[in-house]
N, C-alpha and C. Protein backbone atom coordinates (compact mmCIF):
# COMPACT_ATOMS: atom_id res chain seq x y z
N ALA A 1 78.30 -105.21 -86.32
CA ALA A 1 78.16 -105.51 -87.73
C ALA A 1 77.05 -106.53 -87.90
N THR A 2 76.35 -106.44 -89.00
CA THR A 2 75.25 -107.35 -89.28
C THR A 2 75.46 -107.97 -90.65
N HIS A 3 75.21 -109.26 -90.75
CA HIS A 3 75.27 -109.94 -92.05
C HIS A 3 74.12 -110.92 -92.12
N ALA A 4 73.35 -110.85 -93.17
CA ALA A 4 72.26 -111.79 -93.38
C ALA A 4 72.57 -112.63 -94.61
N ALA A 5 72.47 -113.94 -94.48
CA ALA A 5 72.70 -114.84 -95.60
C ALA A 5 71.46 -115.69 -95.79
N THR A 6 71.07 -115.90 -97.02
CA THR A 6 69.90 -116.73 -97.29
C THR A 6 70.26 -117.79 -98.31
N GLY A 7 69.50 -118.88 -98.31
CA GLY A 7 69.73 -119.95 -99.27
C GLY A 7 71.12 -120.53 -99.14
N SER A 8 71.78 -120.72 -100.26
CA SER A 8 73.12 -121.32 -100.24
C SER A 8 74.19 -120.24 -100.26
N ASP A 9 73.87 -119.07 -99.75
CA ASP A 9 74.82 -117.94 -99.71
C ASP A 9 76.04 -118.33 -98.88
N ALA A 10 77.19 -118.39 -99.52
CA ALA A 10 78.42 -118.75 -98.82
C ALA A 10 79.29 -117.52 -98.59
N ALA A 11 78.68 -116.34 -98.57
CA ALA A 11 79.45 -115.10 -98.39
C ALA A 11 80.14 -115.10 -97.04
N ARG A 12 81.33 -114.57 -97.03
CA ARG A 12 82.08 -114.43 -95.78
C ARG A 12 82.42 -112.96 -95.61
N PRO A 13 81.57 -112.25 -94.90
CA PRO A 13 81.85 -110.82 -94.74
C PRO A 13 83.12 -110.61 -93.93
N ASP A 14 83.87 -109.62 -94.28
CA ASP A 14 85.10 -109.28 -93.58
C ASP A 14 84.73 -108.34 -92.44
N ILE A 15 84.66 -108.87 -91.23
CA ILE A 15 84.33 -108.07 -90.05
C ILE A 15 85.53 -108.13 -89.12
N ARG A 16 86.20 -107.02 -88.96
CA ARG A 16 87.39 -106.98 -88.11
C ARG A 16 87.00 -106.45 -86.73
N LEU A 17 87.43 -107.16 -85.70
CA LEU A 17 87.12 -106.79 -84.32
C LEU A 17 88.40 -106.52 -83.55
N ARG A 18 88.31 -105.58 -82.66
CA ARG A 18 89.44 -105.34 -81.75
C ARG A 18 89.45 -106.44 -80.69
N PRO A 19 90.59 -106.71 -80.07
CA PRO A 19 90.63 -107.73 -79.01
C PRO A 19 89.63 -107.39 -77.90
N GLY A 20 89.05 -108.43 -77.33
CA GLY A 20 88.11 -108.25 -76.23
C GLY A 20 86.82 -109.00 -76.48
N ASP A 21 85.87 -108.82 -75.57
CA ASP A 21 84.58 -109.49 -75.67
C ASP A 21 83.67 -108.76 -76.65
N HIS A 22 82.89 -109.52 -77.40
CA HIS A 22 81.94 -108.95 -78.36
C HIS A 22 80.66 -109.77 -78.32
N PRO A 23 79.52 -109.11 -78.21
CA PRO A 23 78.26 -109.88 -78.23
C PRO A 23 77.98 -110.40 -79.64
N ILE A 24 77.52 -111.63 -79.71
CA ILE A 24 77.16 -112.24 -80.99
C ILE A 24 75.76 -112.82 -80.83
N ARG A 25 74.90 -112.51 -81.77
CA ARG A 25 73.55 -113.09 -81.78
C ARG A 25 73.33 -113.71 -83.15
N VAL A 26 72.99 -114.98 -83.14
CA VAL A 26 72.73 -115.70 -84.38
C VAL A 26 71.28 -116.16 -84.36
N GLU A 27 70.53 -115.76 -85.37
CA GLU A 27 69.16 -116.24 -85.54
C GLU A 27 69.14 -117.07 -86.81
N TYR A 28 68.63 -118.29 -86.69
CA TYR A 28 68.66 -119.22 -87.81
C TYR A 28 67.32 -119.93 -87.91
N MET A 29 66.73 -119.91 -89.08
CA MET A 29 65.48 -120.63 -89.32
C MET A 29 65.62 -121.42 -90.60
N SER A 30 65.07 -122.63 -90.59
CA SER A 30 65.12 -123.47 -91.78
C SER A 30 63.89 -124.37 -91.80
N SER A 31 63.35 -124.57 -92.98
CA SER A 31 62.22 -125.49 -93.12
C SER A 31 62.69 -126.91 -93.40
N SER A 32 63.97 -127.10 -93.57
CA SER A 32 64.54 -128.41 -93.87
C SER A 32 65.15 -129.03 -92.61
N PRO A 33 64.80 -130.29 -92.29
CA PRO A 33 65.40 -130.94 -91.12
C PRO A 33 66.88 -131.30 -91.33
N LEU A 34 67.37 -131.21 -92.56
CA LEU A 34 68.76 -131.57 -92.85
C LEU A 34 69.66 -130.35 -92.99
N SER A 35 69.22 -129.22 -92.52
CA SER A 35 70.02 -128.00 -92.65
C SER A 35 70.98 -127.86 -91.48
N ASP A 36 71.97 -127.00 -91.64
CA ASP A 36 72.91 -126.73 -90.56
C ASP A 36 73.41 -125.30 -90.66
N ILE A 37 74.07 -124.89 -89.62
CA ILE A 37 74.66 -123.55 -89.58
C ILE A 37 76.02 -123.66 -88.90
N ARG A 38 76.95 -122.86 -89.38
CA ARG A 38 78.29 -122.86 -88.78
C ARG A 38 78.70 -121.42 -88.50
N LEU A 39 79.25 -121.18 -87.34
CA LEU A 39 79.79 -119.89 -86.96
C LEU A 39 81.30 -120.06 -86.88
N LEU A 40 82.02 -119.43 -87.81
CA LEU A 40 83.46 -119.63 -87.92
C LEU A 40 84.21 -118.32 -87.70
N TRP A 41 85.48 -118.44 -87.34
CA TRP A 41 86.34 -117.27 -87.22
C TRP A 41 87.73 -117.62 -87.74
N SER A 42 88.54 -116.59 -87.93
CA SER A 42 89.95 -116.82 -88.29
C SER A 42 90.78 -115.71 -87.67
N HIS A 43 92.03 -116.01 -87.47
CA HIS A 43 93.01 -115.02 -87.00
C HIS A 43 93.74 -114.50 -88.23
N GLU A 44 93.68 -113.19 -88.42
CA GLU A 44 94.37 -112.55 -89.54
C GLU A 44 94.15 -113.32 -90.83
N GLN A 45 95.18 -113.93 -91.40
CA GLN A 45 95.07 -114.64 -92.68
C GLN A 45 94.90 -116.14 -92.49
N GLY A 46 94.56 -116.59 -91.29
CA GLY A 46 94.41 -118.02 -91.03
C GLY A 46 93.16 -118.61 -91.65
N ASP A 47 93.06 -119.93 -91.59
CA ASP A 47 91.88 -120.63 -92.10
C ASP A 47 90.70 -120.43 -91.16
N PHE A 48 89.49 -120.43 -91.72
CA PHE A 48 88.29 -120.34 -90.90
C PHE A 48 88.12 -121.64 -90.12
N GLN A 49 87.71 -121.52 -88.86
CA GLN A 49 87.50 -122.67 -88.00
C GLN A 49 86.40 -122.33 -86.99
N PRO A 50 85.77 -123.35 -86.38
CA PRO A 50 84.74 -123.06 -85.38
C PRO A 50 85.32 -122.29 -84.20
N ILE A 51 84.50 -121.42 -83.61
CA ILE A 51 84.92 -120.71 -82.41
C ILE A 51 84.94 -121.71 -81.26
N PRO A 52 86.04 -121.82 -80.51
CA PRO A 52 86.09 -122.77 -79.40
C PRO A 52 84.99 -122.47 -78.38
N PRO A 53 84.19 -123.48 -77.99
CA PRO A 53 83.11 -123.25 -77.03
C PRO A 53 83.58 -122.61 -75.73
N ALA A 54 84.82 -122.86 -75.31
CA ALA A 54 85.33 -122.27 -74.07
C ALA A 54 85.40 -120.75 -74.15
N LEU A 55 85.41 -120.20 -75.36
CA LEU A 55 85.48 -118.75 -75.52
C LEU A 55 84.11 -118.10 -75.64
N LEU A 56 83.05 -118.91 -75.61
CA LEU A 56 81.70 -118.40 -75.73
C LEU A 56 80.99 -118.43 -74.37
N GLU A 57 80.15 -117.46 -74.11
CA GLU A 57 79.31 -117.44 -72.91
C GLU A 57 77.89 -117.18 -73.34
N PRO A 58 76.89 -117.75 -72.78
CA PRO A 58 76.96 -118.76 -71.72
C PRO A 58 77.54 -120.07 -72.24
N SER A 59 77.63 -121.04 -71.38
CA SER A 59 78.21 -122.32 -71.78
C SER A 59 77.40 -122.93 -72.92
N ALA A 60 78.02 -123.83 -73.64
CA ALA A 60 77.40 -124.42 -74.83
C ALA A 60 76.03 -125.02 -74.55
N LYS A 61 75.81 -125.57 -73.36
CA LYS A 61 74.51 -126.20 -73.09
C LYS A 61 73.38 -125.18 -72.98
N HIS A 62 73.69 -123.89 -72.85
CA HIS A 62 72.66 -122.86 -72.77
C HIS A 62 72.57 -122.01 -74.03
N MET A 63 73.35 -122.31 -75.03
CA MET A 63 73.43 -121.45 -76.20
C MET A 63 72.29 -121.63 -77.19
N PHE A 64 71.72 -122.82 -77.28
CA PHE A 64 70.79 -123.10 -78.36
C PHE A 64 69.40 -123.41 -77.84
N ARG A 65 68.42 -123.01 -78.61
CA ARG A 65 67.02 -123.28 -78.29
C ARG A 65 66.33 -123.68 -79.59
N ILE A 66 65.70 -124.83 -79.59
CA ILE A 66 64.98 -125.29 -80.78
C ILE A 66 63.56 -124.78 -80.69
N VAL A 67 63.13 -124.08 -81.73
CA VAL A 67 61.78 -123.52 -81.79
C VAL A 67 61.02 -124.25 -82.88
N GLU A 68 59.89 -124.82 -82.53
CA GLU A 68 59.10 -125.54 -83.53
C GLU A 68 57.80 -124.85 -83.79
């Protein structure tokens, strides 16, 4: 599934996944040094929360690259 959000788009697409591993690729660009991005998930009807780093591969120290 693909979802693109721009500006202050707070859309939360409903993407249902079967149990198991799923590749996720996030590309984020901003011209503002005060911007941020959050990747959240929820179980069924639960509240959205950050994905625990222990469930992501590679480890958190290899996940991000700053491009200038």
